[in-house]
Amino acid sequence: MLSSAIAKTTTTASPPSIHTLPLQRPRLLRTFVSFSHLSFPGNSISSSSRNQRICTVSASKSDAPSPLSHQGDELFFRDALKSMETVYLNRNPTAKAILDLVHSIDDEQICYDHLAFRTFGVNGYGIDSMASFFLDHGYTQQEELRFPAKKLKALWFSPPSSSTQYGGSGVNGPLPRVFISELLVDQMSPKAQEIIRKYTEKAGNGNKYAALASALGSLTWGKPMYSEFQQLAGESEYAAWTLVNGYALNHVTISTHRLKSNLRSIKSLNEFIEKNGFKLNSEGGVLKVSPDGLLLQSSTVADSIPFCFSDGVNESVPCSYIEFAERLVLPQYKDLPESEVKEFHRRDGFEVGNADKIFESTSKEQLTRRA
């Protein structure tokens, strides 16, 4: 990671209030498309570079039938994902630097294993608020995971199988899995529940625009007071993170086994990242391994960004991080030649034990830990 756990970034200008947007879906679609090409202040990716990549992918697929055409406009869907990714890279210099670093060694496509979001399980602001956007575009709900100690549950969603034909990088490549978690607010202390309900209730129908809020990098509720942030942080770092970050992308995950260089081994990638000065989440060990030994994961420690609270206090708060995942070949396919191995031959899904430790990437203990 950066030499300090606290990364200094430039705050972006506040976007238009979400509550000024009408409910009609056609207007929502147009809003998404228009914002997907904006240049965000401080973003190290130039707007011309972004547009060039988007246009290249669009042109290459213009003559082919859209695999999502029966469920929505795929260009709109990918533009929306691109906006989410742009906000994420703008706010998290570590993620951008690592993607550039991997590209410098492995100049082939970089595929995302999954995108992850956090939510509040109250007033319609939970998993369903974000999941509906992906379900509308061909995703399928899979298993539920429970994290009793953290008072969390999660669902993951698999992408349309036809999306694997895409050869671009990131959100322009094969569509990633989606992992959405939610805080079980009813299990929190009365004070924590009061704070969370206060902001989600004031937001009205903001939960209907979860994907739009993520693409704009905007909260659907008002900025909290610093004392409220501290109150939640003392009880649940997840709750405090969600209060100030809302539906922003919590992390993207590089699919290491899809790389072409020696970095396709997650152990080699971890060593490469640490040698270049980035700090990895050490909770439970740098490498998190599922009980079956087939899912290997690691992640950086989150960047931090300055945040101006409603009472005028300016403090750094944890933002997002980048994760890495290697999915090994399932035992029944172990004799397949490497050239014939496809993604469906590999371990799918998620593992509670791994995910529980990955959540700690935004914790104060990891942010303040010395490298």
Foldseek 3Di string as FASTA:
>chain_A
DPQALADEADDWDADPAPVVDDDDPVSVLVVLLVLLQDDTPQQPQDSVNVVVQLVVLCVVCVPPDDPQVVLDDVSSVLSLVSLLVRLVRSFFVVVVVLVVVLCVVFVFAWEWQEWEWEFAPPPLTFDVLVVVSQVSRAKAKDDKADDVVQQKIKIKIHHDPVQQVFRHHDSSHRHHIYMYMYHNLVPDDPLLNVVVCVFVVQLPPLSNCLSVCSSSQHASGAFAAPVSLVVVLVPHLSSSQCNQRPGRTQEIETALCPTDDPSSPVVVVVVVSVVVPFAWQQQVHQWDAAPVRFKIKTWTAFYWYWDQGPVGDIDIAGGHIYMYIYWHFDPVCVPPPPVPDDPVRTDDDDHNRRVVSVVCSRRPCRSRDRD
